[in-house]
């Protein structure tokens, strides 16, 4: 029997996961933005669910936060 994996279904869920991952990595928004090369408001908008990062940005975020992309996309 296979275990069902529950993935996020909205920007709000992704926003929560992104913020949690950043905080677990003990990074401020400013330091995370600098490491990834985002402009001032991008990361804030991602963490508020107002916009969605591209797959390339998700890859960078996962590397900086030291998590897998799947961890960012799973329901918690």
N, C-alpha and C. Protein backbone atom coordinates (compact mmCIF):
# COMPACT_ATOMS: atom_id res chain seq x y z
N UNK A 1 0.84 -1.17 0.00
CA UNK A 1 0.00 0.00 0.00
C UNK A 1 0.89 1.25 0.00
N UNK A 2 0.58 2.18 -0.85
CA UNK A 2 1.37 3.39 -0.98
C UNK A 2 0.80 4.50 -0.10
N UNK A 3 1.70 5.23 0.50
CA UNK A 3 1.28 6.35 1.33
C UNK A 3 0.99 7.55 0.45
N UNK A 4 -0.14 8.20 0.69
CA UNK A 4 -0.52 9.37 -0.08
C UNK A 4 0.27 10.58 0.41
N UNK A 5 0.83 11.33 -0.52
CA UNK A 5 1.59 12.53 -0.19
C UNK A 5 0.69 13.73 -0.43
N UNK A 6 0.59 14.58 0.55
CA UNK A 6 -0.26 15.77 0.43
C UNK A 6 0.60 16.99 0.13
N UNK A 7 0.38 17.54 -1.05
CA UNK A 7 1.10 18.74 -1.46
C UNK A 7 0.22 19.97 -1.23
N UNK A 8 0.88 21.12 -1.14
CA UNK A 8 0.15 22.37 -0.95
C UNK A 8 -0.79 22.62 -2.12
N UNK A 9 -1.80 23.42 -1.87
CA UNK A 9 -2.80 23.71 -2.90
C UNK A 9 -2.99 25.20 -3.12
N UNK A 10 -2.23 26.04 -2.41
CA UNK A 10 -2.42 27.48 -2.56
C UNK A 10 -1.13 28.24 -2.28
N UNK A 11 -1.12 29.49 -2.72
CA UNK A 11 0.02 30.37 -2.44
C UNK A 11 0.19 30.58 -0.94
N UNK A 12 -0.91 30.60 -0.21
CA UNK A 12 -0.84 30.82 1.24
C UNK A 12 -0.08 29.69 1.93
N UNK A 13 -0.33 28.46 1.49
CA UNK A 13 0.39 27.32 2.08
C UNK A 13 1.87 27.38 1.74
N UNK A 14 2.19 27.75 0.49
CA UNK A 14 3.58 27.90 0.10
C UNK A 14 4.23 29.01 0.91
N UNK A 15 3.51 30.11 1.10
CA UNK A 15 4.03 31.24 1.87
C UNK A 15 4.43 30.80 3.28
N UNK A 16 3.58 30.02 3.92
CA UNK A 16 3.87 29.53 5.28
C UNK A 16 5.12 28.66 5.26
N UNK A 17 5.22 27.77 4.28
CA UNK A 17 6.39 26.89 4.20
C UNK A 17 7.67 27.67 3.95
N UNK A 18 7.60 28.68 3.08
CA UNK A 18 8.79 29.48 2.79
C UNK A 18 9.26 30.23 4.04
N UNK A 19 8.33 30.83 4.75
CA UNK A 19 8.70 31.56 5.95
C UNK A 19 9.27 30.62 7.01
N UNK A 20 8.63 29.48 7.19
CA UNK A 20 9.11 28.50 8.17
C UNK A 20 10.52 28.02 7.83
N UNK A 21 10.77 27.74 6.56
CA UNK A 21 12.09 27.26 6.13
C UNK A 21 13.15 28.34 6.37
N UNK A 22 12.82 29.59 6.06
CA UNK A 22 13.77 30.68 6.28
C UNK A 22 14.08 30.84 7.76
N UNK A 23 13.05 30.82 8.58
CA UNK A 23 13.24 30.96 10.02
C UNK A 23 14.03 29.79 10.60
N UNK A 24 13.76 28.58 10.11
CA UNK A 24 14.51 27.40 10.57
C UNK A 24 15.98 27.48 10.17
N UNK A 25 16.24 28.15 9.04
CA UNK A 25 17.62 28.35 8.60
C UNK A 25 18.28 29.52 9.33
N UNK A 26 17.50 30.17 10.22
CA UNK A 26 17.96 31.31 11.02
C UNK A 26 18.46 32.45 10.14
N UNK A 27 17.68 32.76 9.11
CA UNK A 27 18.00 33.85 8.20
C UNK A 27 16.94 34.94 8.30
N UNK A 28 17.36 36.17 8.16
CA UNK A 28 16.41 37.26 8.04
C UNK A 28 15.98 37.34 6.59
N UNK A 29 14.90 38.05 6.32
CA UNK A 29 14.50 38.25 4.93
C UNK A 29 15.60 38.94 4.16
N UNK A 30 16.24 39.90 4.79
CA UNK A 30 17.30 40.65 4.13
C UNK A 30 18.48 39.76 3.73
N UNK A 31 18.92 38.91 4.63
CA UNK A 31 20.06 38.04 4.31
C UNK A 31 19.67 36.99 3.28
N UNK A 32 18.45 36.49 3.34
CA UNK A 32 17.99 35.51 2.35
C UNK A 32 17.89 36.16 0.97
N UNK A 33 17.34 37.37 0.91
CA UNK A 33 17.24 38.10 -0.36
C UNK A 33 18.61 38.31 -0.97
N UNK A 34 19.57 38.70 -0.16
CA UNK A 34 20.93 38.94 -0.64
C UNK A 34 21.55 37.66 -1.19
N UNK A 35 21.37 36.56 -0.48
CA UNK A 35 21.96 35.28 -0.90
C UNK A 35 21.37 34.78 -2.22
N UNK A 36 20.11 35.12 -2.46
CA UNK A 36 19.41 34.63 -3.65
C UNK A 36 19.47 35.64 -4.79
N UNK A 37 19.61 36.91 -4.44
CA UNK A 37 19.65 37.95 -5.45
C UNK A 37 18.28 38.47 -5.83
N UNK A 38 17.38 38.52 -4.86
CA UNK A 38 16.03 39.03 -5.10
C UNK A 38 15.96 40.51 -4.77
N UNK A 39 15.02 41.22 -5.39
CA UNK A 39 14.85 42.61 -5.02
C UNK A 39 14.12 42.71 -3.69
N UNK A 40 13.99 43.91 -3.18
CA UNK A 40 13.52 44.14 -1.82
C UNK A 40 12.16 43.53 -1.49
N UNK A 41 11.21 43.61 -2.39
CA UNK A 41 9.86 43.16 -2.05
C UNK A 41 9.53 41.72 -2.45
N UNK A 42 10.32 41.12 -3.31
CA UNK A 42 9.99 39.77 -3.82
C UNK A 42 9.78 38.74 -2.72
N UNK A 43 10.75 38.59 -1.85
CA UNK A 43 10.66 37.57 -0.80
C UNK A 43 9.48 37.86 0.13
N UNK A 44 9.27 39.12 0.44
CA UNK A 44 8.13 39.49 1.27
C UNK A 44 6.83 39.04 0.62
N UNK A 45 6.68 39.31 -0.68
CA UNK A 45 5.47 38.90 -1.40
C UNK A 45 5.32 37.39 -1.44
N UNK A 46 6.43 36.66 -1.59
CA UNK A 46 6.35 35.19 -1.56
C UNK A 46 5.85 34.72 -0.21
N UNK A 47 6.38 35.32 0.87
CA UNK A 47 6.02 34.89 2.22
C UNK A 47 4.63 35.36 2.64
N UNK A 48 4.06 36.28 1.92
CA UNK A 48 2.68 36.71 2.18
C UNK A 48 1.68 36.02 1.27
N UNK A 49 2.17 35.28 0.29
CA UNK A 49 1.29 34.59 -0.65
C UNK A 49 0.75 35.49 -1.74
N UNK A 50 1.35 36.66 -1.90
CA UNK A 50 0.88 37.61 -2.92
C UNK A 50 1.43 37.28 -4.30
N UNK A 51 2.55 36.59 -4.35
CA UNK A 51 3.10 36.14 -5.63
C UNK A 51 3.75 34.78 -5.43
N UNK A 52 4.04 34.12 -6.54
CA UNK A 52 4.59 32.77 -6.52
C UNK A 52 5.97 32.77 -7.15
N UNK A 53 6.96 32.19 -6.48
CA UNK A 53 8.29 32.14 -7.07
C UNK A 53 8.34 31.18 -8.26
N UNK A 54 9.23 31.46 -9.19
CA UNK A 54 9.44 30.54 -10.31
C UNK A 54 10.13 29.30 -9.79
N UNK A 55 10.18 28.28 -10.60
CA UNK A 55 10.87 27.05 -10.21
C UNK A 55 12.35 27.32 -9.97
N UNK A 56 12.93 28.23 -10.73
CA UNK A 56 14.34 28.57 -10.56
C UNK A 56 14.58 29.26 -9.22
N UNK A 57 13.64 30.11 -8.81
CA UNK A 57 13.75 30.77 -7.51
C UNK A 57 13.52 29.75 -6.39
N UNK A 58 12.59 28.82 -6.58
CA UNK A 58 12.38 27.76 -5.58
C UNK A 58 13.65 26.93 -5.38
N UNK A 59 14.35 26.66 -6.47
CA UNK A 59 15.61 25.91 -6.37
C UNK A 59 16.61 26.69 -5.53
N UNK A 60 16.74 27.97 -5.82
CA UNK A 60 17.68 28.81 -5.06
C UNK A 60 17.27 28.88 -3.59
N UNK A 61 15.98 29.08 -3.34
CA UNK A 61 15.51 29.13 -1.95
C UNK A 61 15.79 27.84 -1.22
N UNK A 62 15.53 26.72 -1.86
CA UNK A 62 15.78 25.43 -1.20
C UNK A 62 17.26 25.25 -0.88
N UNK A 63 18.12 25.72 -1.76
CA UNK A 63 19.57 25.61 -1.52
C UNK A 63 20.00 26.50 -0.35
N UNK A 64 19.52 27.73 -0.33
CA UNK A 64 19.90 28.66 0.73
C UNK A 64 19.31 28.21 2.08
N UNK A 65 18.10 27.68 2.06
CA UNK A 65 17.45 27.23 3.29
C UNK A 65 17.85 25.81 3.70
N UNK A 66 18.59 25.13 2.83
CA UNK A 66 19.05 23.76 3.09
C UNK A 66 17.88 22.80 3.31
N UNK A 67 16.89 22.91 2.41
CA UNK A 67 15.74 21.99 2.39
C UNK A 67 15.53 21.54 0.95
N UNK A 68 14.73 20.51 0.78
CA UNK A 68 14.41 20.07 -0.57
C UNK A 68 13.21 20.87 -1.09
N UNK A 69 13.07 20.91 -2.39
CA UNK A 69 11.91 21.57 -2.99
C UNK A 69 10.64 20.87 -2.51
N UNK A 70 10.71 19.56 -2.40
CA UNK A 70 9.54 18.81 -1.93
C UNK A 70 9.11 19.26 -0.54
N UNK A 71 10.07 19.55 0.33
CA UNK A 71 9.71 20.03 1.67
C UNK A 71 8.97 21.36 1.59
N UNK A 72 9.32 22.19 0.62
CA UNK A 72 8.63 23.47 0.46
C UNK A 72 7.23 23.29 -0.08
N UNK A 73 7.00 22.18 -0.76
CA UNK A 73 5.70 21.96 -1.42
C UNK A 73 4.78 21.00 -0.68
N UNK A 74 5.23 20.44 0.44
CA UNK A 74 4.39 19.52 1.20
C UNK A 74 3.50 20.26 2.19
N UNK A 75 2.29 19.72 2.40
CA UNK A 75 1.41 20.26 3.45
C UNK A 75 1.99 19.86 4.79
N UNK A 76 1.90 20.77 5.74
CA UNK A 76 2.39 20.47 7.11
C UNK A 76 1.26 20.53 8.08
